[in-house]
Amino acid sequence: MAVNKLFGAISALSLLLLLSSFGCKAQLSPTFYDYTCPNALTTIRSTIRSAISCERRMAASLIRLHFHDCFVQNAKTKLGCDGSVLLDETPTIQSEKTSKANNDSARGFNYLTIFL
């Protein structure tokens, strides 16, 4: 019985190691929305330019929102950006958007809601 459990554990671990050795070939593409939303890049570009022309600091604020809670992703950490600052508050959960730490620091949400 113990031999079967050990064999199962070794098999599962071997399979996990085998699957984790395959590299991901996913790449970002500037043409991703060309068919489904051909005006996406033009709309985003004009909105961002408009925001920056109204307030010069908005460029930095939008970049901060984009990379909020981002961590370097590597094979060990598997971390990335979670977008948690974009989530709205609910009756039972306080959002990062309205937390004291982000008060007057995280700005530009009004420009992002244009795309929703």
PDB file of N, CA and C in Angstrom:
ATOM      1  N   MET A   1       0.824  -1.187   0.000  1.00  0.00           N
ATOM      2  CA  MET A   1       0.000   0.000   0.000  1.00  0.00           C
ATOM      3  C   MET A   1       0.871   1.255   0.000  1.00  0.00           C
ATOM      4  N   ALA A   2       1.895   1.287   0.853  1.00  0.00           N
ATOM      5  CA  ALA A   2       2.792   2.433   0.940  1.00  0.00           C
ATOM      6  C   ALA A   2       3.558   2.616  -0.359  1.00  0.00           C
ATOM      7  N   VAL A   3       3.876   1.507  -1.028  1.00  0.00           N
ATOM      8  CA  VAL A   3       4.600   1.571  -2.298  1.00  0.00           C
ATOM      9  C   VAL A   3       3.728   2.246  -3.354  1.00  0.00           C
ATOM     10  N   ASN A   4       2.422   1.939  -3.366  1.00  0.00           N
ATOM     11  CA  ASN A   4       1.504   2.549  -4.329  1.00  0.00           C
ATOM     12  C   ASN A   4       1.399   4.060  -4.111  1.00  0.00           C
ATOM     13  N   LYS A   5       1.335   4.478  -2.856  1.00  0.00           N
ATOM     14  CA  LYS A   5       1.252   5.913  -2.557  1.00  0.00           C
ATOM     15  C   LYS A   5       2.529   6.619  -2.982  1.00  0.00           C
ATOM     16  N   LEU A   6       3.671   5.988  -2.713  1.00  0.00           N
ATOM     17  CA  LEU A   6       4.950   6.574  -3.094  1.00  0.00           C
ATOM     18  C   LEU A   6       5.055   6.667  -4.608  1.00  0.00           C
ATOM     19  N   PHE A   7       4.649   5.593  -5.303  1.00  0.00           N
ATOM     20  CA  PHE A   7       4.675   5.596  -6.762  1.00  0.00           C
ATOM     21  C   PHE A   7       3.758   6.688  -7.322  1.00  0.00           C
ATOM     22  N   GLY A   8       2.573   6.849  -6.736  1.00  0.00           N
ATOM     23  CA  GLY A   8       1.635   7.881  -7.177  1.00  0.00           C
ATOM     24  C   GLY A   8       2.194   9.280  -6.961  1.00  0.00           C
ATOM     25  N   ALA A   9       2.831   9.484  -5.826  1.00  0.00           N
ATOM     26  CA  ALA A   9       3.418  10.795  -5.537  1.00  0.00           C
ATOM     27  C   ALA A   9       4.559  11.105  -6.488  1.00  0.00           C
ATOM     28  N   ILE A  10       5.412  10.109  -6.748  1.00  0.00           N
ATOM     29  CA  ILE A  10       6.536  10.309  -7.678  1.00  0.00           C
ATOM     30  C   ILE A  10       6.011  10.552  -9.088  1.00  0.00           C
ATOM     31  N   SER A  11       4.976   9.833  -9.484  1.00  0.00           N
ATOM     32  CA  SER A  11       4.383  10.016 -10.818  1.00  0.00           C
ATOM     33  C   SER A  11       3.796  11.416 -10.961  1.00  0.00           C
ATOM     34  N   ALA A  12       3.079  11.866  -9.948  1.00  0.00           N
ATOM     35  CA  ALA A  12       2.478  13.202  -9.993  1.00  0.00           C
ATOM     36  C   ALA A  12       3.552  14.279 -10.051  1.00  0.00           C
ATOM     37  N   LEU A  13       4.596  14.110  -9.252  1.00  0.00           N
ATOM     38  CA  LEU A  13       5.690  15.084  -9.248  1.00  0.00           C
ATOM     39  C   LEU A  13       6.410  15.092 -10.589  1.00  0.00           C
ATOM     40  N   SER A  14       6.639  13.923 -11.150  1.00  0.00           N
ATOM     41  CA  SER A  14       7.292  13.826 -12.463  1.00  0.00           C
ATOM     42  C   SER A  14       6.463  14.507 -13.542  1.00  0.00           C
ATOM     43  N   LEU A  15       5.158  14.285 -13.513  1.00  0.00           N
ATOM     44  CA  LEU A  15       4.268  14.915 -14.487  1.00  0.00           C
ATOM     45  C   LEU A  15       4.276  16.429 -14.326  1.00  0.00           C
ATOM     46  N   LEU A  16       4.253  16.894 -13.098  1.00  0.00           N
ATOM     47  CA  LEU A  16       4.290  18.324 -12.828  1.00  0.00           C
ATOM     48  C   LEU A  16       5.583  18.940 -13.348  1.00  0.00           C
ATOM     49  N   LEU A  17       6.702  18.302 -13.095  1.00  0.00           N
ATOM     50  CA  LEU A  17       7.990  18.800 -13.588  1.00  0.00           C
ATOM     51  C   LEU A  17       8.052  18.795 -15.104  1.00  0.00           C
ATOM     52  N   LEU A  18       7.499  17.766 -15.720  1.00  0.00           N
ATOM     53  CA  LEU A  18       7.484  17.682 -17.173  1.00  0.00           C
ATOM     54  C   LEU A  18       6.654  18.812 -17.775  1.00  0.00           C
ATOM     55  N   LEU A  19       5.460  19.029 -17.225  1.00  0.00           N
ATOM     56  CA  LEU A  19       4.581  20.076 -17.753  1.00  0.00           C
ATOM     57  C   LEU A  19       5.146  21.473 -17.522  1.00  0.00           C
ATOM     58  N   SER A  20       5.839  21.676 -16.413  1.00  0.00           N
ATOM     59  CA  SER A  20       6.385  23.001 -16.132  1.00  0.00           C
ATOM     60  C   SER A  20       7.607  23.316 -16.975  1.00  0.00           C
ATOM     61  N   SER A  21       8.172  22.317 -17.641  1.00  0.00           N
ATOM     62  CA  SER A  21       9.365  22.552 -18.451  1.00  0.00           C
ATOM     63  C   SER A  21       9.028  23.115 -19.834  1.00  0.00           C
ATOM     64  N   PHE A  22       7.762  23.035 -20.237  1.00  0.00           N
ATOM     65  CA  PHE A  22       7.368  23.578 -21.528  1.00  0.00           C
ATOM     66  C   PHE A  22       7.270  25.093 -21.438  1.00  0.00           C
ATOM     67  N   GLY A  23       7.890  25.791 -22.368  1.00  0.00           N
ATOM     68  CA  GLY A  23       7.853  27.242 -22.377  1.00  0.00           C
ATOM     69  C   GLY A  23       6.581  27.774 -22.991  1.00  0.00           C
ATOM     70  N   CYS A  24       6.205  28.930 -22.584  1.00  0.00           N
ATOM     71  CA  CYS A  24       5.024  29.591 -23.134  1.00  0.00           C
ATOM     72  C   CYS A  24       5.441  30.433 -24.333  1.00  0.00           C
ATOM     73  N   LYS A  25       4.709  30.351 -25.406  1.00  0.00           N
ATOM     74  CA  LYS A  25       5.034  31.083 -26.625  1.00  0.00           C
ATOM     75  C   LYS A  25       4.099  32.275 -26.849  1.00  0.00           C
ATOM     76  N   ALA A  26       3.294  32.617 -25.852  1.00  0.00           N
ATOM     77  CA  ALA A  26       2.351  33.732 -26.003  1.00  0.00           C
ATOM     78  C   ALA A  26       3.114  35.040 -26.138  1.00  0.00           C
ATOM     79  N   GLN A  27       2.685  35.859 -27.040  1.00  0.00           N
ATOM     80  CA  GLN A  27       3.318  37.149 -27.270  1.00  0.00           C
ATOM     81  C   GLN A  27       2.240  38.220 -27.419  1.00  0.00           C
ATOM     82  N   LEU A  28       2.566  39.425 -26.995  1.00  0.00           N
ATOM     83  CA  LEU A  28       1.664  40.545 -27.224  1.00  0.00           C
ATOM     84  C   LEU A  28       1.700  40.909 -28.693  1.00  0.00           C
ATOM     85  N   SER A  29       0.584  41.369 -29.196  1.00  0.00           N
ATOM     86  CA  SER A  29       0.521  41.731 -30.598  1.00  0.00           C
ATOM     87  C   SER A  29      -0.173  43.080 -30.749  1.00  0.00           C
ATOM     88  N   PRO A  30       0.444  44.018 -31.472  1.00  0.00           N
ATOM     89  CA  PRO A  30      -0.197  45.319 -31.687  1.00  0.00           C
ATOM     90  C   PRO A  30      -1.409  45.221 -32.616  1.00  0.00           C
ATOM     91  N   THR A  31      -1.582  44.092 -33.268  1.00  0.00           N
ATOM     92  CA  THR A  31      -2.710  43.922 -34.191  1.00  0.00           C
ATOM     93  C   THR A  31      -3.815  43.042 -33.595  1.00  0.00           C
ATOM     94  N   PHE A  32      -3.765  42.769 -32.303  1.00  0.00           N
ATOM     95  CA  PHE A  32      -4.717  41.855 -31.660  1.00  0.00           C
ATOM     96  C   PHE A  32      -6.172  42.282 -31.878  1.00  0.00           C
ATOM     97  N   TYR A  33      -6.466  43.568 -31.768  1.00  0.00           N
ATOM     98  CA  TYR A  33      -7.845  44.055 -31.884  1.00  0.00           C
ATOM     99  C   TYR A  33      -8.190  44.577 -33.284  1.00  0.00           C
ATOM    100  N   ASP A  34      -7.328  44.396 -34.245  1.00  0.00           N
ATOM    101  CA  ASP A  34      -7.575  44.936 -35.588  1.00  0.00           C
ATOM    102  C   ASP A  34      -8.895  44.457 -36.189  1.00  0.00           C
ATOM    103  N   TYR A  35      -9.273  43.234 -35.947  1.00  0.00           N
ATOM    104  CA  TYR A  35     -10.506  42.698 -36.534  1.00  0.00           C
ATOM    105  C   TYR A  35     -11.714  42.929 -35.639  1.00  0.00           C
ATOM    106  N   THR A  36     -11.573  42.662 -34.346  1.00  0.00           N
ATOM    107  CA  THR A  36     -12.725  42.729 -33.442  1.00  0.00           C
ATOM    108  C   THR A  36     -13.067  44.157 -33.029  1.00  0.00           C
ATOM    109  N   CYS A  37     -12.081  45.027 -32.981  1.00  0.00           N
ATOM    110  CA  CYS A  37     -12.311  46.418 -32.580  1.00  0.00           C
ATOM    111  C   CYS A  37     -11.286  47.303 -33.293  1.00  0.00           C
ATOM    112  N   PRO A  38     -11.506  47.564 -34.576  1.00  0.00           N
ATOM    113  CA  PRO A  38     -10.498  48.250 -35.386  1.00  0.00           C
ATOM    114  C   PRO A  38     -10.146  49.666 -34.911  1.00  0.00           C
ATOM    115  N   ASN A  39     -11.001  50.309 -34.152  1.00  0.00           N
ATOM    116  CA  ASN A  39     -10.719  51.668 -33.684  1.00  0.00           C
ATOM    117  C   ASN A  39     -10.143  51.709 -32.270  1.00  0.00           C
ATOM    118  N   ALA A  40      -9.827  50.559 -31.707  1.00  0.00           N
ATOM    119  CA  ALA A  40      -9.378  50.500 -30.307  1.00  0.00           C
ATOM    120  C   ALA A  40      -8.140  51.369 -30.058  1.00  0.00           C
ATOM    121  N   LEU A  41      -7.097  51.168 -30.818  1.00  0.00           N
ATOM    122  CA  LEU A  41      -5.858  51.907 -30.569  1.00  0.00           C
ATOM    123  C   LEU A  41      -6.030  53.409 -30.797  1.00  0.00           C
ATOM    124  N   THR A  42      -6.784  53.782 -31.802  1.00  0.00           N
ATOM    125  CA  THR A  42      -7.037  55.197 -32.062  1.00  0.00           C
ATOM    126  C   THR A  42      -7.822  55.824 -30.919  1.00  0.00           C
ATOM    127  N   THR A  43      -8.841  55.118 -30.431  1.00  0.00           N
ATOM    128  CA  THR A  43      -9.651  55.610 -29.320  1.00  0.00           C
ATOM    129  C   THR A  43      -8.829  55.749 -28.053  1.00  0.00           C
ATOM    130  N   ILE A  44      -8.030  54.748 -27.751  1.00  0.00           N
ATOM    131  CA  ILE A  44      -7.182  54.792 -26.553  1.00  0.00           C
ATOM    132  C   ILE A  44      -6.168  55.923 -26.657  1.00  0.00           C
ATOM    133  N   ARG A  45      -5.511  56.026 -27.791  1.00  0.00           N
ATOM    134  CA  ARG A  45      -4.502  57.071 -27.992  1.00  0.00           C
ATOM    135  C   ARG A  45      -5.110  58.464 -27.833  1.00  0.00           C
ATOM    136  N   SER A  46      -6.260  58.715 -28.445  1.00  0.00           N
ATOM    137  CA  SER A  46      -6.854  60.053 -28.363  1.00  0.00           C
ATOM    138  C   SER A  46      -7.336  60.366 -26.949  1.00  0.00           C
ATOM    139  N   THR A  47      -7.844  59.366 -26.252  1.00  0.00           N
ATOM    140  CA  THR A  47      -8.296  59.574 -24.868  1.00  0.00           C
ATOM    141  C   THR A  47      -7.121  59.899 -23.956  1.00  0.00           C
ATOM    142  N   ILE A  48      -6.037  59.172 -24.100  1.00  0.00           N
ATOM    143  CA  ILE A  48      -4.846  59.413 -23.275  1.00  0.00           C
ATOM    144  C   ILE A  48      -4.257  60.779 -23.595  1.00  0.00           C
ATOM    145  N   ARG A  49      -4.175  61.129 -24.853  1.00  0.00           N
ATOM    146  CA  ARG A  49      -3.648  62.454 -25.222  1.00  0.00           C
ATOM    147  C   ARG A  49      -4.521  63.572 -24.663  1.00  0.00           C
ATOM    148  N   SER A  50      -5.826  63.375 -24.710  1.00  0.00           N
ATOM    149  CA  SER A  50      -6.738  64.365 -24.166  1.00  0.00           C
ATOM    150  C   SER A  50      -6.557  64.514 -22.660  1.00  0.00           C
ATOM    151  N   ALA A  51      -6.408  63.398 -21.972  1.00  0.00           N
ATOM    152  CA  ALA A  51      -6.207  63.430 -20.519  1.00  0.00           C
ATOM    153  C   ALA A  51      -4.922  64.167 -20.161  1.00  0.00           C
ATOM    154  N   ILE A  52      -3.869  63.903 -20.910  1.00  0.00           N
ATOM    155  CA  ILE A  52      -2.577  64.536 -20.630  1.00  0.00           C
ATOM    156  C   ILE A  52      -2.604  66.018 -20.980  1.00  0.00           C
ATOM    157  N   SER A  53      -3.341  66.373 -22.026  1.00  0.00           N
ATOM    158  CA  SER A  53      -3.412  67.794 -22.381  1.00  0.00           C
ATOM    159  C   SER A  53      -4.183  68.601 -21.337  1.00  0.00           C
ATOM    160  N   CYS A  54      -5.139  67.952 -20.659  1.00  0.00           N
ATOM    161  CA  CYS A  54      -5.881  68.628 -19.595  1.00  0.00           C
ATOM    162  C   CYS A  54      -5.037  68.767 -18.330  1.00  0.00           C
ATOM    163  N   GLU A  55      -4.247  67.757 -18.053  1.00  0.00           N
ATOM    164  CA  GLU A  55      -3.404  67.779 -16.857  1.00  0.00           C
ATOM    165  C   GLU A  55      -2.145  66.964 -17.132  1.00  0.00           C
ATOM    166  N   ARG A  56      -1.029  67.630 -17.201  1.00  0.00           N
ATOM    167  CA  ARG A  56       0.244  67.010 -17.570  1.00  0.00           C
ATOM    168  C   ARG A  56       0.612  65.816 -16.673  1.00  0.00           C
ATOM    169  N   ARG A  57       0.307  65.894 -15.381  1.00  0.00           N
ATOM    170  CA  ARG A  57       0.657  64.825 -14.434  1.00  0.00           C
ATOM    171  C   ARG A  57      -0.133  63.540 -14.675  1.00  0.00           C
ATOM    172  N   MET A  58      -1.186  63.620 -15.463  1.00  0.00           N
ATOM    173  CA  MET A  58      -2.026  62.452 -15.687  1.00  0.00           C
ATOM    174  C   MET A  58      -1.261  61.326 -16.380  1.00  0.00           C
ATOM    175  N   ALA A  59      -0.254  61.637 -17.147  1.00  0.00           N
ATOM    176  CA  ALA A  59       0.549  60.594 -17.796  1.00  0.00           C
ATOM    177  C   ALA A  59       1.162  59.672 -16.746  1.00  0.00           C
ATOM    178  N   ALA A  60       1.780  60.267 -15.736  1.00  0.00           N
ATOM    179  CA  ALA A  60       2.388  59.474 -14.668  1.00  0.00           C
ATOM    180  C   ALA A  60       1.322  58.737 -13.863  1.00  0.00           C
ATOM    181  N   SER A  61       0.191  59.381 -13.635  1.00  0.00           N
ATOM    182  CA  SER A  61      -0.883  58.744 -12.863  1.00  0.00           C
ATOM    183  C   SER A  61      -1.436  57.507 -13.576  1.00  0.00           C
ATOM    184  N   LEU A  62      -1.600  57.588 -14.878  1.00  0.00           N
ATOM    185  CA  LEU A  62      -2.119  56.444 -15.636  1.00  0.00           C
ATOM    186  C   LEU A  62      -1.098  55.308 -15.692  1.00  0.00           C
ATOM    187  N   ILE A  63       0.170  55.655 -15.783  1.00  0.00           N
ATOM    188  CA  ILE A  63       1.206  54.620 -15.743  1.00  0.00           C
ATOM    189  C   ILE A  63       1.206  53.945 -14.381  1.00  0.00           C
ATOM    190  N   ARG A  64       1.036  54.723 -13.314  1.00  0.00           N
ATOM    191  CA  ARG A  64       0.978  54.150 -11.970  1.00  0.00           C
ATOM    192  C   ARG A  64      -0.184  53.176 -11.839  1.00  0.00           C
ATOM    193  N   LEU A  65      -1.349  53.539 -12.376  1.00  0.00           N
ATOM    194  CA  LEU A  65      -2.493  52.624 -12.330  1.00  0.00           C
ATOM    195  C   LEU A  65      -2.196  51.345 -13.110  1.00  0.00           C
ATOM    196  N   HIS A  66      -1.534  51.504 -14.221  1.00  0.00           N
ATOM    197  CA  HIS A  66      -1.241  50.359 -15.083  1.00  0.00           C
ATOM    198  C   HIS A  66      -0.332  49.348 -14.380  1.00  0.00           C
ATOM    199  N   PHE A  67       0.638  49.847 -13.626  1.00  0.00           N
ATOM    200  CA  PHE A  67       1.610  48.962 -12.994  1.00  0.00           C
ATOM    201  C   PHE A  67       1.409  48.804 -11.488  1.00  0.00           C
ATOM    202  N   HIS A  68       0.270  49.220 -10.964  1.00  0.00           N
ATOM    203  CA  HIS A  68      -0.008  49.070  -9.539  1.00  0.00           C
ATOM    204  C   HIS A  68       0.019  47.591  -9.163  1.00  0.00           C
ATOM    205  N   ASP A  69       0.702  47.273  -8.116  1.00  0.00           N
ATOM    206  CA  ASP A  69       0.814  45.886  -7.636  1.00  0.00           C
ATOM    207  C   ASP A  69       1.447  44.940  -8.638  1.00  0.00           C
ATOM    208  N   CYS A  70       2.277  45.440  -9.525  1.00  0.00           N
ATOM    209  CA  CYS A  70       2.970  44.553 -10.460  1.00  0.00           C
ATOM    210  C   CYS A  70       4.277  44.092  -9.851  1.00  0.00           C
ATOM    211  N   PHE A  71       4.593  42.861 -10.092  1.00  0.00           N
ATOM    212  CA  PHE A  71       5.839  42.282  -9.622  1.00  0.00           C
ATOM    213  C   PHE A  71       6.525  41.631 -10.802  1.00  0.00           C
ATOM    214  N   VAL A  72       7.831  41.584 -10.761  1.00  0.00           N
ATOM    215  CA  VAL A  72       8.575  40.953 -11.834  1.00  0.00           C
ATOM    216  C   VAL A  72       8.178  39.487 -11.900  1.00  0.00           C
ATOM    217  N   GLN A  73       7.846  39.049 -13.098  1.00  0.00           N
ATOM    218  CA  GLN A  73       7.433  37.663 -13.269  1.00  0.00           C
ATOM    219  C   GLN A  73       8.639  36.846 -13.718  1.00  0.00           C
ATOM    220  N   ASN A  74       8.877  35.772 -13.025  1.00  0.00           N
ATOM    221  CA  ASN A  74       9.922  34.857 -13.445  1.00  0.00           C
ATOM    222  C   ASN A  74       9.458  33.433 -13.186  1.00  0.00           C
ATOM    223  N   ALA A  75      10.298  32.483 -13.507  1.00  0.00           N
ATOM    224  CA  ALA A  75       9.905  31.075 -13.402  1.00  0.00           C
ATOM    225  C   ALA A  75       9.583  30.672 -11.971  1.00  0.00           C
ATOM    226  N   LYS A  76      10.200  31.312 -10.994  1.00  0.00           N
ATOM    227  CA  LYS A  76       9.977  30.930  -9.604  1.00  0.00           C
ATOM    228  C   LYS A  76       8.742  31.595  -9.002  1.00  0.00           C
ATOM    229  N   THR A  77       8.579  32.893  -9.222  1.00  0.00           N
ATOM    230  CA  THR A  77       7.516  33.624  -8.535  1.00  0.00           C
ATOM    231  C   THR A  77       6.162  33.515  -9.205  1.00  0.00           C
ATOM    232  N   LYS A  78       6.127  33.444 -10.525  1.00  0.00           N
ATOM    233  CA  LYS A  78       4.867  33.394 -11.285  1.00  0.00           C
ATOM    234  C   LYS A  78       3.968  34.582 -10.952  1.00  0.00           C
ATOM    235  N   LEU A  79       4.568  35.707 -10.629  1.00  0.00           N
ATOM    236  CA  LEU A  79       3.793  36.892 -10.284  1.00  0.00           C
ATOM    237  C   LEU A  79       3.653  37.791 -11.499  1.00  0.00           C
ATOM    238  N   GLY A  80       2.680  38.651 -11.470  1.00  0.00           N
ATOM    239  CA  GLY A  80       2.462  39.611 -12.530  1.00  0.00           C
ATOM    240  C   GLY A  80       1.611  40.734 -12.001  1.00  0.00           C
ATOM    241  N   CYS A  81       0.797  41.321 -12.849  1.00  0.00           N
ATOM    242  CA  CYS A  81      -0.076  42.417 -12.448  1.00  0.00           C
ATOM    243  C   CYS A  81      -1.488  41.867 -12.252  1.00  0.00           C
ATOM    244  N   ASP A  82      -2.109  42.231 -11.142  1.00  0.00           N
ATOM    245  CA  ASP A  82      -3.440  41.667 -10.874  1.00  0.00           C
ATOM    246  C   ASP A  82      -4.583  42.641 -11.120  1.00  0.00           C
ATOM    247  N   GLY A  83      -4.316  43.912 -11.303  1.00  0.00           N
ATOM    248  CA  GLY A  83      -5.370  44.877 -11.575  1.00  0.00           C
ATOM    249  C   GLY A  83      -6.301  45.129 -10.407  1.00  0.00           C
ATOM    250  N   SER A  84      -5.893  44.752  -9.209  1.00  0.00           N
ATOM    251  CA  SER A  84      -6.776  44.854  -8.047  1.00  0.00           C
ATOM    252  C   SER A  84      -7.179  46.286  -7.722  1.00  0.00           C
ATOM    253  N   VAL A  85      -6.367  47.252  -8.092  1.00  0.00           N
ATOM    254  CA  VAL A  85      -6.697  48.645  -7.801  1.00  0.00           C
ATOM    255  C   VAL A  85      -7.893  49.121  -8.635  1.00  0.00           C
ATOM    256  N   LEU A  86      -8.232  48.401  -9.667  1.00  0.00           N
ATOM    257  CA  LEU A  86      -9.342  48.789 -10.535  1.00  0.00           C
ATOM    258  C   LEU A  86     -10.695  48.283 -10.045  1.00  0.00           C
ATOM    259  N   LEU A  87     -10.683  47.382  -9.067  1.00  0.00           N
ATOM    260  CA  LEU A  87     -11.935  46.810  -8.575  1.00  0.00           C
ATOM    261  C   LEU A  87     -12.699  47.810  -7.721  1.00  0.00           C
ATOM    262  N   ASP A  88     -14.005  47.863  -7.923  1.00  0.00           N
ATOM    263  CA  ASP A  88     -14.852  48.754  -7.134  1.00  0.00           C
ATOM    264  C   ASP A  88     -15.142  48.146  -5.769  1.00  0.00           C
ATOM    265  N   GLU A  89     -15.461  49.013  -4.838  1.00  0.00           N
ATOM    266  CA  GLU A  89     -15.789  48.590  -3.477  1.00  0.00           C
ATOM    267  C   GLU A  89     -17.166  47.929  -3.445  1.00  0.00           C
ATOM    268  N   THR A  90     -17.314  46.979  -2.529  1.00  0.00           N
ATOM    269  CA  THR A  90     -18.604  46.335  -2.294  1.00  0.00           C
ATOM    270  C   THR A  90     -18.992  46.580  -0.840  1.00  0.00           C
ATOM    271  N   PRO A  91     -20.212  46.247  -0.457  1.00  0.00           N
ATOM    272  CA  PRO A  91     -20.597  46.452   0.944  1.00  0.00           C
ATOM    273  C   PRO A  91     -19.728  45.689   1.944  1.00  0.00           C
ATOM    274  N   THR A  92     -19.126  44.592   1.506  1.00  0.00           N
ATOM    275  CA  THR A  92     -18.336  43.778   2.443  1.00  0.00           C
ATOM    276  C   THR A  92     -16.826  43.861   2.234  1.00  0.00           C
ATOM    277  N   ILE A  93     -16.392  44.464   1.146  1.00  0.00           N
ATOM    278  CA  ILE A  93     -14.957  44.517   0.847  1.00  0.00           C
ATOM    279  C   ILE A  93     -14.550  45.949   0.532  1.00  0.00           C
ATOM    280  N   GLN A  94     -13.498  46.427   1.216  1.00  0.00           N
ATOM    281  CA  GLN A  94     -12.968  47.754   0.902  1.00  0.00           C
ATOM    282  C   GLN A  94     -12.001  47.616  -0.269  1.00  0.00           C
ATOM    283  N   SER A  95     -12.223  48.391  -1.280  1.00  0.00           N
ATOM    284  CA  SER A  95     -11.394  48.354  -2.470  1.00  0.00           C
ATOM    285  C   SER A  95     -10.082  49.086  -2.241  1.00  0.00           C
ATOM    286  N   GLU A  96      -9.058  48.662  -2.964  1.00  0.00           N
ATOM    287  CA  GLU A  96      -7.786  49.395  -2.930  1.00  0.00           C
ATOM    288  C   GLU A  96      -7.970  50.793  -3.520  1.00  0.00           C
ATOM    289  N   LYS A  97      -8.938  50.909  -4.394  1.00  0.00           N
ATOM    290  CA  LYS A  97      -9.200  52.185  -5.058  1.00  0.00           C
ATOM    291  C   LYS A  97      -9.500  53.291  -4.037  1.00  0.00           C
ATOM    292  N   THR A  98     -10.178  52.934  -2.958  1.00  0.00           N
ATOM    293  CA  THR A  98     -10.582  53.936  -1.963  1.00  0.00           C
ATOM    294  C   THR A  98      -9.813  53.804  -0.647  1.00  0.00           C
ATOM    295  N   SER A  99      -8.780  52.992  -0.621  1.00  0.00           N
ATOM    296  CA  SER A  99      -8.023  52.805   0.625  1.00  0.00           C
ATOM    297  C   SER A  99      -7.208  54.056   0.954  1.00  0.00           C
ATOM    298  N   LYS A 100      -6.857  54.199   2.222  1.00  0.00           N
ATOM    299  CA  LYS A 100      -6.070  55.354   2.663  1.00  0.00           C
ATOM    300  C   LYS A 100      -4.720  55.415   1.960  1.00  0.00           C
ATOM    301  N   ALA A 101      -4.132  54.259   1.711  1.00  0.00           N
ATOM    302  CA  ALA A 101      -2.810  54.222   1.060  1.00  0.00           C
ATOM    303  C   ALA A 101      -2.851  54.815  -0.346  1.00  0.00           C
ATOM    304  N   ASN A 102      -3.975  54.704  -1.028  1.00  0.00           N
ATOM    305  CA  ASN A 102      -4.093  55.212  -2.391  1.00  0.00           C
ATOM    306  C   ASN A 102      -4.831  56.544  -2.479  1.00  0.00           C
ATOM    307  N   ASN A 103      -5.252  57.076  -1.340  1.00  0.00           N
ATOM    308  CA  ASN A 103      -5.969  58.347  -1.321  1.00  0.00           C
ATOM    309  C   ASN A 103      -5.086  59.459  -1.895  1.00  0.00           C
ATOM    310  N   ASP A 104      -5.571  60.134  -2.892  1.00  0.00           N
ATOM    311  CA  ASP A 104      -4.850  61.200  -3.596  1.00  0.00           C
ATOM    312  C   ASP A 104      -3.566  60.714  -4.254  1.00  0.00           C
ATOM    313  N   SER A 105      -3.416  59.418  -4.375  1.00  0.00           N
ATOM    314  CA  SER A 105      -2.224  58.864  -5.006  1.00  0.00           C
ATOM    315  C   SER A 105      -2.596  58.129  -6.295  1.00  0.00           C
ATOM    316  N   ALA A 106      -3.604  57.302  -6.216  1.00  0.00           N
ATOM    317  CA  ALA A 106      -4.094  56.604  -7.403  1.00  0.00           C
ATOM    318  C   ALA A 106      -5.157  57.486  -8.056  1.00  0.00           C
ATOM    319  N   ARG A 107      -4.852  57.983  -9.250  1.00  0.00           N
ATOM    320  CA  ARG A 107      -5.753  58.901  -9.948  1.00  0.00           C
ATOM    321  C   ARG A 107      -5.928  58.464 -11.400  1.00  0.00           C
ATOM    322  N   GLY A 108      -6.953  58.982 -12.034  1.00  0.00           N
ATOM    323  CA  GLY A 108      -7.165  58.736 -13.452  1.00  0.00           C
ATOM    324  C   GLY A 108      -8.186  57.664 -13.760  1.00  0.00           C
ATOM    325  N   PHE A 109      -8.908  57.201 -12.737  1.00  0.00           N
ATOM    326  CA  PHE A 109      -9.915  56.164 -12.955  1.00  0.00           C
ATOM    327  C   PHE A 109     -10.983  56.625 -13.947  1.00  0.00           C
ATOM    328  N   ASN A 110     -11.303  57.902 -13.914  1.00  0.00           N
ATOM    329  CA  ASN A 110     -12.344  58.422 -14.804  1.00  0.00           C
ATOM    330  C   ASN A 110     -11.974  58.247 -16.277  1.00  0.00           C
ATOM    331  N   TYR A 111     -10.687  58.263 -16.599  1.00  0.00           N
ATOM    332  CA  TYR A 111     -10.287  58.053 -17.991  1.00  0.00           C
ATOM    333  C   TYR A 111     -10.375  56.574 -18.380  1.00  0.00           C
ATOM    334  N   LEU A 112     -10.202  55.692 -17.420  1.00  0.00           N
ATOM    335  CA  LEU A 112     -10.283  54.253 -17.715  1.00  0.00           C
ATOM    336  C   LEU A 112     -11.721  53.802 -17.905  1.00  0.00           C
ATOM    337  N   THR A 113     -12.677  54.412 -17.214  1.00  0.00           N
ATOM    338  CA  THR A 113     -14.068  53.991 -17.339  1.00  0.00           C
ATOM    339  C   THR A 113     -14.650  54.307 -18.709  1.00  0.00           C
ATOM    340  N   ILE A 114     -14.013  55.148 -19.468  1.00  0.00           N
ATOM    341  CA  ILE A 114     -14.453  55.446 -20.833  1.00  0.00           C
ATOM    342  C   ILE A 114     -14.452  54.179 -21.678  1.00  0.00           C
ATOM    343  N   PHE A 115     -13.532  53.275 -21.395  1.00  0.00           N
ATOM    344  CA  PHE A 115     -13.375  52.070 -22.206  1.00  0.00           C
ATOM    345  C   PHE A 115     -14.240  50.905 -21.754  1.00  0.00           C
ATOM    346  N   LEU A 116     -14.970  51.071 -20.669  1.00  0.00           N
ATOM    347  CA  LEU A 116     -15.793  49.966 -20.171  1.00  0.00           C
ATOM    348  C   LEU A 116     -17.146  49.921 -20.818  1.00  0.00           C
TER     349      LEU A 116
END
